C-alpha atoms as a PDB file:
ATOM      1  CA  MET A   1      25.606  -9.633  -0.121  1.00  0.00           C
ATOM      2  CA  ARG A   2      25.024  -7.581   3.126  1.00  0.00           C
ATOM      3  CA  GLU A   3      22.985  -7.944   5.557  1.00  0.00           C
ATOM      4  CA  LEU A   4      20.194  -4.977   6.429  1.00  0.00           C
ATOM      5  CA  PRO A   5      20.156  -3.814  10.141  1.00  0.00           C
ATOM      6  CA  ASN A   6      18.062  -5.505  12.568  1.00  0.00           C
ATOM      7  CA  PRO A   7      14.930  -4.688  12.794  1.00  0.00           C
ATOM      8  CA  THR A   8      12.567  -3.197  15.255  1.00  0.00           C
ATOM      9  CA  PHE A   9      10.863  -6.385  15.732  1.00  0.00           C
ATOM     10  CA  ALA A  10      11.700 -10.005  15.476  1.00  0.00           C
ATOM     11  CA  LEU A  11      10.250  -9.815  11.988  1.00  0.00           C
ATOM     12  CA  SER A  12       6.806 -12.314  12.235  1.00  0.00           C
ATOM     13  CA  PRO A  13       7.344 -15.611  10.625  1.00  0.00           C
ATOM     14  CA  LEU A  14       5.268 -15.676   7.378  1.00  0.00           C
ATOM     15  CA  SER A  15       3.229 -18.937   8.295  1.00  0.00           C
ATOM     16  CA  LEU A  16       1.820 -19.538   4.674  1.00  0.00           C
ATOM     17  CA  PRO A  17      -2.087 -20.697   6.430  1.00  0.00           C
ATOM     18  CA  ARG A  18      -4.668 -21.109   5.150  1.00  0.00           C
ATOM     19  CA  GLY A  19      -3.586 -21.893   1.622  1.00  0.00           C
ATOM     20  CA  LEU A  20      -3.255 -19.034   0.403  1.00  0.00           C
ATOM     21  CA  LEU A  21       0.254 -18.368  -0.554  1.00  0.00           C
ATOM     22  CA  HIS A  22       1.182 -21.499  -2.300  1.00  0.00           C
ATOM     23  CA  ARG A  23      -1.784 -22.298  -4.577  1.00  0.00           C
ATOM     24  CA  PRO A  24      -0.441 -21.073  -8.210  1.00  0.00           C
ATOM     25  CA  VAL A  25      -1.185 -17.934  -9.289  1.00  0.00           C
ATOM     26  CA  GLU A  26      -3.567 -19.880 -11.934  1.00  0.00           C
ATOM     27  CA  TYR A  27      -5.918 -20.270  -8.778  1.00  0.00           C
ATOM     28  CA  PHE A  28      -6.372 -16.236  -8.398  1.00  0.00           C
ATOM     29  CA  GLN A  29      -7.142 -15.948 -11.817  1.00  0.00           C
ATOM     30  CA  SER A  30      -9.537 -18.085 -13.357  1.00  0.00           C
ATOM     31  CA  ASN A  31     -12.319 -16.164 -13.602  1.00  0.00           C
ATOM     32  CA  SER A  32      -9.689 -13.468 -15.242  1.00  0.00           C
ATOM     33  CA  GLN A  33      -9.871 -13.077 -19.281  1.00  0.00           C
ATOM     34  CA  THR A  34      -6.942 -10.412 -19.201  1.00  0.00           C
ATOM     35  CA  GLN A  35      -3.911 -12.951 -18.401  1.00  0.00           C
ATOM     36  CA  PRO A  36      -2.867 -15.046 -21.424  1.00  0.00           C
ATOM     37  CA  ALA A  37      -3.323 -18.747 -20.591  1.00  0.00           C
ATOM     38  CA  THR A  38       0.399 -19.647 -22.150  1.00  0.00           C
ATOM     39  CA  ILE A  39       2.471 -17.353 -19.129  1.00  0.00           C
ATOM     40  CA  GLU A  40       3.277 -20.369 -16.828  1.00  0.00           C
ATOM     41  CA  ARG A  41       3.706 -19.226 -13.501  1.00  0.00           C
ATOM     42  CA  GLY A  42       4.391 -20.551  -9.858  1.00  0.00           C
ATOM     43  CA  ALA A  43       3.812 -20.076  -6.315  1.00  0.00           C
ATOM     44  CA  LEU A  44       3.975 -16.677  -5.154  1.00  0.00           C
ATOM     45  CA  VAL A  45       5.954 -16.701  -1.770  1.00  0.00           C
ATOM     46  CA  VAL A  46       5.815 -13.832   0.982  1.00  0.00           C
ATOM     47  CA  SER A  47       8.743 -12.889   2.432  1.00  0.00           C
ATOM     48  CA  TRP A  48      10.762  -9.935   4.223  1.00  0.00           C
ATOM     49  CA  ALA A  49      13.459  -8.044   2.381  1.00  0.00           C
ATOM     50  CA  LYS A  50      16.585  -9.284   4.779  1.00  0.00           C
ATOM     51  CA  HIS A  51      19.915  -8.143   2.309  1.00  0.00           C
ATOM     52  CA  GLN A  52      19.914  -4.899   0.793  1.00  0.00           C
ATOM     53  CA  ASP A  53      19.946  -6.840  -2.704  1.00  0.00           C
ATOM     54  CA  GLU A  54      16.297  -7.844  -1.989  1.00  0.00           C
ATOM     55  CA  VAL A  55      15.389  -4.109  -1.063  1.00  0.00           C
ATOM     56  CA  ARG A  56      16.907  -2.839  -4.355  1.00  0.00           C
ATOM     57  CA  GLN A  57      15.128  -5.711  -6.820  1.00  0.00           C
ATOM     58  CA  VAL A  58      11.580  -3.773  -4.658  1.00  0.00           C
ATOM     59  CA  GLN A  59      12.823  -0.484  -5.628  1.00  0.00           C
ATOM     60  CA  ARG A  60      13.242  -1.775  -9.694  1.00  0.00           C
ATOM     61  CA  LEU A  61       9.590  -2.965  -9.165  1.00  0.00           C
ATOM     62  CA  ARG A  62       8.688   0.690  -7.265  1.00  0.00           C
ATOM     63  CA  TYR A  63      10.758   2.268 -10.961  1.00  0.00           C
ATOM     64  CA  ARG A  64       9.049  -0.195 -13.761  1.00  0.00           C
ATOM     65  CA  VAL A  65       5.220   1.111 -11.596  1.00  0.00           C
ATOM     66  CA  PHE A  66       6.098   4.107 -10.588  1.00  0.00           C
ATOM     67  CA  ALA A  67       7.690   6.452 -12.999  1.00  0.00           C
ATOM     68  CA  GLU A  68       8.390   4.345 -16.018  1.00  0.00           C
ATOM     69  CA  GLU A  69       3.828   3.547 -16.635  1.00  0.00           C
ATOM     70  CA  MET A  70       2.844   6.205 -13.705  1.00  0.00           C
ATOM     71  CA  GLY A  71       5.408   9.074 -14.850  1.00  0.00           C
ATOM     72  CA  ALA A  72       6.535   9.659 -11.937  1.00  0.00           C
ATOM     73  CA  ARG A  73       9.352  12.425 -11.417  1.00  0.00           C
ATOM     74  CA  LEU A  74      11.423  10.142  -8.869  1.00  0.00           C
ATOM     75  CA  SER A  75      14.911  11.896  -7.563  1.00  0.00           C
ATOM     76  CA  SER A  76      16.976   8.517  -7.221  1.00  0.00           C
ATOM     77  CA  PRO A  77      20.652   8.191  -5.992  1.00  0.00           C
ATOM     78  CA  VAL A  78      20.752   4.769  -8.157  1.00  0.00           C
ATOM     79  CA  PRO A  79      19.264   4.875 -11.839  1.00  0.00           C
ATOM     80  CA  GLY A  80      16.350   2.996 -12.439  1.00  0.00           C
ATOM     81  CA  HIS A  81      15.177   2.781  -8.465  1.00  0.00           C
ATOM     82  CA  ASP A  82      13.014   4.579  -6.628  1.00  0.00           C
ATOM     83  CA  ILE A  83      14.905   5.528  -3.814  1.00  0.00           C
ATOM     84  CA  ASP A  84      14.354   7.576  -0.681  1.00  0.00           C
ATOM     85  CA  LEU A  85      15.156   8.877   3.560  1.00  0.00           C
ATOM     86  CA  PHE A  86      12.811   6.068   4.947  1.00  0.00           C
ATOM     87  CA  ASP A  87      13.452   3.354   2.530  1.00  0.00           C
ATOM     88  CA  ASN A  88      16.500   2.373   5.249  1.00  0.00           C
ATOM     89  CA  TYR A  89      13.761   3.014   8.316  1.00  0.00           C
ATOM     90  CA  CYS A  90      11.110   0.402   6.749  1.00  0.00           C
ATOM     91  CA  GLU A  91      10.647  -3.113   6.726  1.00  0.00           C
ATOM     92  CA  HIS A  92      10.438  -4.655   3.356  1.00  0.00           C
ATOM     93  CA  LEU A  93       7.379  -6.640   2.690  1.00  0.00           C
ATOM     94  CA  LEU A  94       7.698  -8.596  -0.574  1.00  0.00           C
ATOM     95  CA  VAL A  95       6.362 -11.021  -3.024  1.00  0.00           C
ATOM     96  CA  ARG A  96       8.190 -13.482  -5.535  1.00  0.00           C
ATOM     97  CA  ASP A  97       6.596 -15.519  -7.714  1.00  0.00           C
ATOM     98  CA  GLN A  98       8.299 -19.085  -6.991  1.00  0.00           C
ATOM     99  CA  ALA A  99       9.084 -19.877 -10.721  1.00  0.00           C
ATOM    100  CA  SER A 100      11.267 -17.234 -11.870  1.00  0.00           C
ATOM    101  CA  ALA A 101      12.407 -15.706  -8.436  1.00  0.00           C
ATOM    102  CA  GLU A 102      11.106 -12.331  -9.639  1.00  0.00           C
ATOM    103  CA  VAL A 103       9.983  -9.652  -7.699  1.00  0.00           C
ATOM    104  CA  VAL A 104       6.539  -9.453  -8.244  1.00  0.00           C
ATOM    105  CA  GLY A 105       4.268  -7.206  -6.267  1.00  0.00           C
ATOM    106  CA  THR A 106       5.706  -5.040  -2.397  1.00  0.00           C
ATOM    107  CA  TYR A 107       5.296  -2.730   0.355  1.00  0.00           C
ATOM    108  CA  ARG A 108       7.281  -1.075   3.267  1.00  0.00           C
ATOM    109  CA  LEU A 109       6.498  -0.651   6.708  1.00  0.00           C
ATOM    110  CA  LEU A 110       7.688   2.099   9.174  1.00  0.00           C
ATOM    111  CA  THR A 111       7.089   1.505  12.908  1.00  0.00           C
ATOM    112  CA  PRO A 112       6.455   3.264  15.574  1.00  0.00           C
ATOM    113  CA  VAL A 113       9.954   3.275  16.534  1.00  0.00           C
ATOM    114  CA  GLN A 114      11.149   4.146  13.003  1.00  0.00           C
ATOM    115  CA  ALA A 115       8.642   6.302  12.689  1.00  0.00           C
ATOM    116  CA  ARG A 116      10.486   8.822  15.855  1.00  0.00           C
ATOM    117  CA  ARG A 117      13.793   7.382  14.616  1.00  0.00           C
ATOM    118  CA  VAL A 118      13.410   8.756  10.870  1.00  0.00           C
ATOM    119  CA  GLY A 119      11.625  12.544  12.696  1.00  0.00           C
ATOM    120  CA  SER A 120       8.054  11.970  10.960  1.00  0.00           C
ATOM    121  CA  THR A 121       6.113   9.537   8.107  1.00  0.00           C
ATOM    122  CA  TYR A 122       5.547   9.938   4.715  1.00  0.00           C
ATOM    123  CA  SER A 123       2.480  10.696   5.665  1.00  0.00           C
ATOM    124  CA  ASP A 124       3.671  12.903   7.459  1.00  0.00           C
ATOM    125  CA  LEU A 125       4.535  15.274   4.913  1.00  0.00           C
ATOM    126  CA  GLU A 126       1.939  15.836   2.664  1.00  0.00           C
ATOM    127  CA  PHE A 127      -0.522  15.416   6.200  1.00  0.00           C
ATOM    128  CA  ASP A 128      -0.856  17.513   9.359  1.00  0.00           C
ATOM    129  CA  LEU A 129      -1.551  14.342  10.963  1.00  0.00           C
ATOM    130  CA  THR A 130      -1.585  16.234  14.424  1.00  0.00           C
ATOM    131  CA  ARG A 131      -5.088  14.282  15.553  1.00  0.00           C
ATOM    132  CA  LEU A 132      -3.273  10.681  15.642  1.00  0.00           C
ATOM    133  CA  ARG A 133      -1.181  11.289  17.414  1.00  0.00           C
ATOM    134  CA  GLY A 134      -2.780   9.271  20.393  1.00  0.00           C
ATOM    135  CA  LEU A 135      -2.517   6.740  17.584  1.00  0.00           C
ATOM    136  CA  ARG A 136       1.256   6.578  16.919  1.00  0.00           C
ATOM    137  CA  GLU A 137       2.791   3.821  19.535  1.00  0.00           C
ATOM    138  CA  ARG A 138       0.740   1.292  17.970  1.00  0.00           C
ATOM    139  CA  MET A 139       0.049   2.497  14.494  1.00  0.00           C
ATOM    140  CA  VAL A 140       2.479   1.289  11.293  1.00  0.00           C
ATOM    141  CA  GLU A 141       2.868   3.588   7.907  1.00  0.00           C
ATOM    142  CA  LEU A 142       2.199   1.760   4.786  1.00  0.00           C
ATOM    143  CA  GLY A 143       3.567   3.400   1.643  1.00  0.00           C
ATOM    144  CA  ARG A 144       4.641   2.549  -2.032  1.00  0.00           C
ATOM    145  CA  SER A 145       1.918  -0.716  -2.503  1.00  0.00           C
ATOM    146  CA  CYS A 146       2.805  -1.872  -6.080  1.00  0.00           C
ATOM    147  CA  VAL A 147       2.184  -5.195  -8.190  1.00  0.00           C
ATOM    148  CA  HIS A 148       4.618  -6.214 -11.141  1.00  0.00           C
ATOM    149  CA  PRO A 149       1.437  -4.700 -14.086  1.00  0.00           C
ATOM    150  CA  ASP A 150       1.243  -8.870 -15.310  1.00  0.00           C
ATOM    151  CA  TYR A 151       0.544 -10.178 -11.718  1.00  0.00           C
ATOM    152  CA  ARG A 152      -2.550  -7.966 -10.478  1.00  0.00           C
ATOM    153  CA  THR A 153      -5.247  -9.946 -10.656  1.00  0.00           C
ATOM    154  CA  GLY A 154      -6.086 -10.018  -6.821  1.00  0.00           C
ATOM    155  CA  GLY A 155      -3.104 -12.717  -6.177  1.00  0.00           C
ATOM    156  CA  VAL A 156      -0.487 -10.844  -5.261  1.00  0.00           C
ATOM    157  CA  ILE A 157      -1.657  -7.930  -3.164  1.00  0.00           C
ATOM    158  CA  MET A 158      -4.250 -10.459  -0.763  1.00  0.00           C
ATOM    159  CA  ALA A 159      -1.180 -12.864  -0.100  1.00  0.00           C
ATOM    160  CA  LEU A 160       0.625  -8.966   1.028  1.00  0.00           C
ATOM    161  CA  TRP A 161      -1.816  -8.384   2.973  1.00  0.00           C
ATOM    162  CA  GLY A 162      -2.012 -11.643   4.762  1.00  0.00           C
ATOM    163  CA  ALA A 163       1.306 -10.462   5.712  1.00  0.00           C
ATOM    164  CA  LEU A 164       0.394  -7.673   7.198  1.00  0.00           C
ATOM    165  CA  ALA A 165      -2.366  -8.586   9.526  1.00  0.00           C
ATOM    166  CA  ASP A 166      -0.045 -11.439  10.578  1.00  0.00           C
ATOM    167  CA  PHE A 167       2.407  -9.296  11.181  1.00  0.00           C
ATOM    168  CA  MET A 168      -0.119  -6.468  12.919  1.00  0.00           C
ATOM    169  CA  VAL A 169      -1.261  -9.172  15.297  1.00  0.00           C
ATOM    170  CA  ARG A 170       2.194 -10.908  16.034  1.00  0.00           C
ATOM    171  CA  ASN A 171       3.709  -7.026  17.363  1.00  0.00           C
ATOM    172  CA  LYS A 172       1.040  -6.062  19.059  1.00  0.00           C
ATOM    173  CA  LEU A 173      -0.031  -2.919  16.668  1.00  0.00           C
ATOM    174  CA  ASP A 174      -3.924  -2.545  15.354  1.00  0.00           C
ATOM    175  CA  THR A 175      -4.048   0.903  13.681  1.00  0.00           C
ATOM    176  CA  MET A 176      -2.104   1.198  10.039  1.00  0.00           C
ATOM    177  CA  ILE A 177      -1.619   4.422   8.249  1.00  0.00           C
ATOM    178  CA  GLY A 178      -1.299   5.656   4.146  1.00  0.00           C
ATOM    179  CA  CYS A 179      -1.743   7.120   1.403  1.00  0.00           C
ATOM    180  CA  ALA A 180      -3.348   6.030  -1.565  1.00  0.00           C
ATOM    181  CA  SER A 181      -3.236   7.855  -5.198  1.00  0.00           C
ATOM    182  CA  ILE A 182      -5.650   8.101  -7.823  1.00  0.00           C
ATOM    183  CA  PRO A 183      -3.648   9.116 -10.493  1.00  0.00           C
ATOM    184  CA  MET A 184      -4.293  12.117 -12.546  1.00  0.00           C
ATOM    185  CA  LEU A 185      -4.120  11.153 -16.019  1.00  0.00           C
ATOM    186  CA  HIS A 186      -6.729   9.842 -17.016  1.00  0.00           C
ATOM    187  CA  ASN A 187      -8.019   8.636 -21.046  1.00  0.00           C
ATOM    188  CA  GLY A 188      -4.472  10.615 -21.859  1.00  0.00           C
ATOM    189  CA  ILE A 189      -5.739  13.963 -20.416  1.00  0.00           C
ATOM    190  CA  ALA A 190      -4.120  15.580 -17.276  1.00  0.00           C
ATOM    191  CA  SER A 191      -7.014  16.210 -15.160  1.00  0.00           C
ATOM    192  CA  GLY A 192      -7.853  16.006 -11.198  1.00  0.00           C
ATOM    193  CA  ASP A 193     -11.475  16.291 -12.114  1.00  0.00           C
ATOM    194  CA  VAL A 194     -11.575  11.829 -11.322  1.00  0.00           C
ATOM    195  CA  ALA A 195      -9.651  12.153  -7.797  1.00  0.00           C
ATOM    196  CA  ALA A 196     -12.240  15.310  -6.828  1.00  0.00           C
ATOM    197  CA  SER A 197     -15.320  12.937  -7.597  1.00  0.00           C
ATOM    198  CA  ILE A 198     -13.802   9.973  -6.332  1.00  0.00           C
ATOM    199  CA  TRP A 199     -12.521  12.659  -3.192  1.00  0.00           C
ATOM    200  CA  GLN A 200     -16.829  13.962  -3.297  1.00  0.00           C
ATOM    201  CA  GLN A 201     -18.445  10.441  -3.100  1.00  0.00           C
ATOM    202  CA  LEU A 202     -16.336   8.657  -0.366  1.00  0.00           C
ATOM    203  CA  ARG A 203     -16.577  11.688   1.983  1.00  0.00           C
ATOM    204  CA  ALA A 204     -20.486  10.728   1.900  1.00  0.00           C
ATOM    205  CA  THR A 205     -19.637   6.687   2.849  1.00  0.00           C
ATOM    206  CA  HIS A 206     -16.186   6.299   4.523  1.00  0.00           C
ATOM    207  CA  LEU A 207     -14.919   9.791   6.316  1.00  0.00           C
ATOM    208  CA  ALA A 208     -13.817   8.571   9.575  1.00  0.00           C
ATOM    209  CA  PRO A 209     -14.684  10.796  12.228  1.00  0.00           C
ATOM    210  CA  ILE A 210     -13.688  14.580  12.926  1.00  0.00           C
ATOM    211  CA  GLU A 211     -11.191  13.453  16.313  1.00  0.00           C
ATOM    212  CA  HIS A 212      -9.428  11.855  13.309  1.00  0.00           C
ATOM    213  CA  GLN A 213      -9.663  13.789  10.410  1.00  0.00           C
ATOM    214  CA  VAL A 214      -6.329  15.782   8.752  1.00  0.00           C
ATOM    215  CA  ARG A 215      -5.225  18.211   6.236  1.00  0.00           C
ATOM    216  CA  PRO A 216      -3.904  18.338   3.359  1.00  0.00           C
ATOM    217  CA  ARG A 217       0.129  20.209   2.986  1.00  0.00           C
ATOM    218  CA  LEU A 218      -1.155  21.276  -1.040  1.00  0.00           C
ATOM    219  CA  PRO A 219      -4.649  20.021  -0.969  1.00  0.00           C
ATOM    220  CA  LEU A 220      -5.790  19.469  -4.512  1.00  0.00           C
ATOM    221  CA  PRO A 221      -7.887  22.034  -5.480  1.00  0.00           C
ATOM    222  CA  VAL A 222     -10.689  20.425  -4.824  1.00  0.00           C
ATOM    223  CA  GLU A 223     -12.782  23.394  -5.555  1.00  0.00           C
ATOM    224  CA  GLN A 224     -12.029  24.482  -8.175  1.00  0.00           C
ATOM    225  CA  LEU A 225     -12.821  21.615 -10.261  1.00  0.00           C
ATOM    226  CA  ASP A 226     -15.477  19.336 -11.482  1.00  0.00           C
ATOM    227  CA  SER A 227     -16.756  15.995  -8.780  1.00  0.00           C
ATOM    228  CA  SER A 228     -19.153  14.853 -10.903  1.00  0.00           C
ATOM    229  CA  LEU A 229     -17.505  12.293 -12.807  1.00  0.00           C
ATOM    230  CA  LEU A 230     -19.188   9.052 -11.850  1.00  0.00           C
ATOM    231  CA  VAL A 231     -16.186   7.383 -11.780  1.00  0.00           C
ATOM    232  CA  GLU A 232     -14.991   4.655  -9.558  1.00  0.00           C
ATOM    233  CA  PRO A 233     -12.060   4.241  -7.237  1.00  0.00           C
ATOM    234  CA  PRO A 234      -8.618   2.733  -8.186  1.00  0.00           C
ATOM    235  CA  ALA A 235      -8.811  -1.057  -7.035  1.00  0.00           C
ATOM    236  CA  LEU A 236      -6.679  -0.880  -4.468  1.00  0.00           C
ATOM    237  CA  ILE A 237      -9.209   2.288  -2.345  1.00  0.00           C
ATOM    238  CA  LYS A 238     -12.251  -0.034  -3.474  1.00  0.00           C
ATOM    239  CA  GLY A 239     -10.072  -3.107  -1.565  1.00  0.00           C
ATOM    240  CA  TYR A 240      -8.955  -1.056   1.383  1.00  0.00           C
ATOM    241  CA  LEU A 241     -12.580   0.271   2.154  1.00  0.00           C
ATOM    242  CA  ARG A 242     -13.526  -3.797   2.113  1.00  0.00           C
ATOM    243  CA  LEU A 243     -11.617  -4.337   4.826  1.00  0.00           C
ATOM    244  CA  GLY A 244     -12.633  -0.911   6.766  1.00  0.00           C
ATOM    245  CA  ALA A 245     -11.122   1.506   5.974  1.00  0.00           C
ATOM    246  CA  LYS A 246     -11.729   5.213   6.462  1.00  0.00           C
ATOM    247  CA  ILE A 247     -10.914   8.417   4.299  1.00  0.00           C
ATOM    248  CA  LEU A 248      -8.806  11.343   6.635  1.00  0.00           C
ATOM    249  CA  GLY A 249     -10.141  13.722   4.628  1.00  0.00           C
ATOM    250  CA  ALA A 250      -9.109  15.739   1.744  1.00  0.00           C
ATOM    251  CA  PRO A 251      -7.024  14.797  -0.962  1.00  0.00           C
ATOM    252  CA  ALA A 252      -3.475  16.001  -1.683  1.00  0.00           C
ATOM    253  CA  TRP A 253      -0.823  16.932  -4.476  1.00  0.00           C
ATOM    254  CA  ASP A 254       2.118  15.210  -4.907  1.00  0.00           C
ATOM    255  CA  PRO A 255       3.225  16.668  -7.948  1.00  0.00           C
ATOM    256  CA  ASP A 256       6.424  14.002  -8.394  1.00  0.00           C
ATOM    257  CA  PHE A 257       4.085  11.209  -8.589  1.00  0.00           C
ATOM    258  CA  ASN A 258       1.128  13.296 -10.256  1.00  0.00           C
ATOM    259  CA  THR A 259      -1.355  11.732  -7.914  1.00  0.00           C
ATOM    260  CA  ALA A 260      -3.994  13.085  -5.369  1.00  0.00           C
ATOM    261  CA  ASP A 261      -3.100  11.226  -2.402  1.00  0.00           C
ATOM    262  CA  LEU A 262      -6.101  10.766  -0.520  1.00  0.00           C
ATOM    263  CA  PRO A 263      -4.898   9.893   3.890  1.00  0.00           C
ATOM    264  CA  MET A 264      -6.322   6.456   4.603  1.00  0.00           C
ATOM    265  CA  LEU A 265      -6.509   4.440   8.223  1.00  0.00           C
ATOM    266  CA  MET A 266      -7.315   0.745   8.951  1.00  0.00           C
ATOM    267  CA  ARG A 267      -7.139  -0.643  12.556  1.00  0.00           C
ATOM    268  CA  ILE A 268      -7.740  -4.268  13.105  1.00  0.00           C
ATOM    269  CA  ASN A 269      -9.732  -3.762  14.638  1.00  0.00           C
ATOM    270  CA  ASP A 270     -12.375  -2.806  12.163  1.00  0.00           C
ATOM    271  CA  LEU A 271     -11.942  -5.770   9.785  1.00  0.00           C
ATOM    272  CA  PRO A 272     -15.247  -7.714   8.984  1.00  0.00           C
ATOM    273  CA  GLN A 273     -15.631 -10.845  10.638  1.00  0.00           C
ATOM    274  CA  ARG A 274     -15.640 -12.840   7.224  1.00  0.00           C
ATOM    275  CA  TYR A 275     -11.643 -10.880   6.247  1.00  0.00           C
ATOM    276  CA  ARG A 276     -11.081 -11.562   9.764  1.00  0.00           C
ATOM    277  CA  LYS A 277     -11.073 -14.539   9.258  1.00  0.00           C
ATOM    278  CA  HIS A 278      -9.240 -15.394   6.565  1.00  0.00           C
ATOM    279  CA  PHE A 279      -6.522 -13.523   7.164  1.00  0.00           C
ATOM    280  CA  LEU A 280      -5.870 -13.916  10.372  1.00  0.00           C
ATOM    281  CA  GLY A 281      -7.231 -17.565  10.784  1.00  0.00           C
ATOM    282  CA  ASN A 282      -7.640 -18.917  14.629  1.00  0.00           C
ATOM    283  CA  ASP A 283      -6.800 -15.041  15.866  1.00  0.00           C
ATOM    284  CA  ALA A 284      -9.840 -13.440  14.660  1.00  0.00           C
ATOM    285  CA  GLY A 285     -12.412 -12.656  17.514  1.00  0.00           C
END
C-alpha cells in the first residue's frame, strides 16, 4: 500500500463532532420514500485519502457516476477510473459506509500551494479567472464531487461539507471555488435549454458583484437556447446557494462531460449563521 506524498497542509483531524458522522444513514433518510428499508447501512465515516489505493477507490466511484451514469467521455490511463492530471496534486476527501467499507462520496481539494505547483486550477481551464487573482492566496478549488446513487439522501453531502468547513478554518483559508455542473441530458434529450433557463434564473438572484465575475472559455450559447423553462437547479447547486454561494458568470460548455458548468464561489464569512453553527460549532462567530 503506497503512501501518498505529504499533503500541502497537515490534514485537519476530522473531529467527528456535532453527532453528524456517527449517526446511521437511516437518520438522514427518515423522511425519504426512495430508500428501501431492507438495505442495511452503517455509520458514515469521513477521512482523507492517505494511500494510493484509497484514491483509486475514489476514482472508481467517480467513473461510475460520471461515465456510466452521466455518459461522460473520459480518457484515463486506468480503465474504469476517472483520472486527470490534477489528481496527484489534490487532497481527496472520502466518505465510507462503515458497515460495507465502500466509498460512497467524495470531493477533491486543490489548495493554493498545489495550484501553483500544477500551474492552474481545473476551473482555469474552463474560465478566465483573472478577476479572482486577489483571492487566490486563500482560495481552495473544490471539484469532482459525487455521491453513490444509493446514498443521495443528504447524509453524505452534509458529512463532506462539515469536513470541508473544518479544513478551511483550521488552515486559515476562506474562499472556495468550483464548477457546478448541469447535465445537458434532460428527459432523454440532449439540450442546453435547461442550463440556459437555470442561468437566467440565478443571474437575477445570485450573481456575484462585477469585481468577481469571470468569463467562460467555451461559452454555452445561451442566446440561441430557450431560457424560459420552469426548472429547478440541481440539488447540489441549490445546496451551495443555501450556504451563501454566488454565481460568477455565464456557464461554460464541457463537451467531454456533456454538461454546462456554472462557476461558483463560496466564502466562509458568507455562511448563514445557522450553517456556521452547524458546521463550525464553537468556531462560529
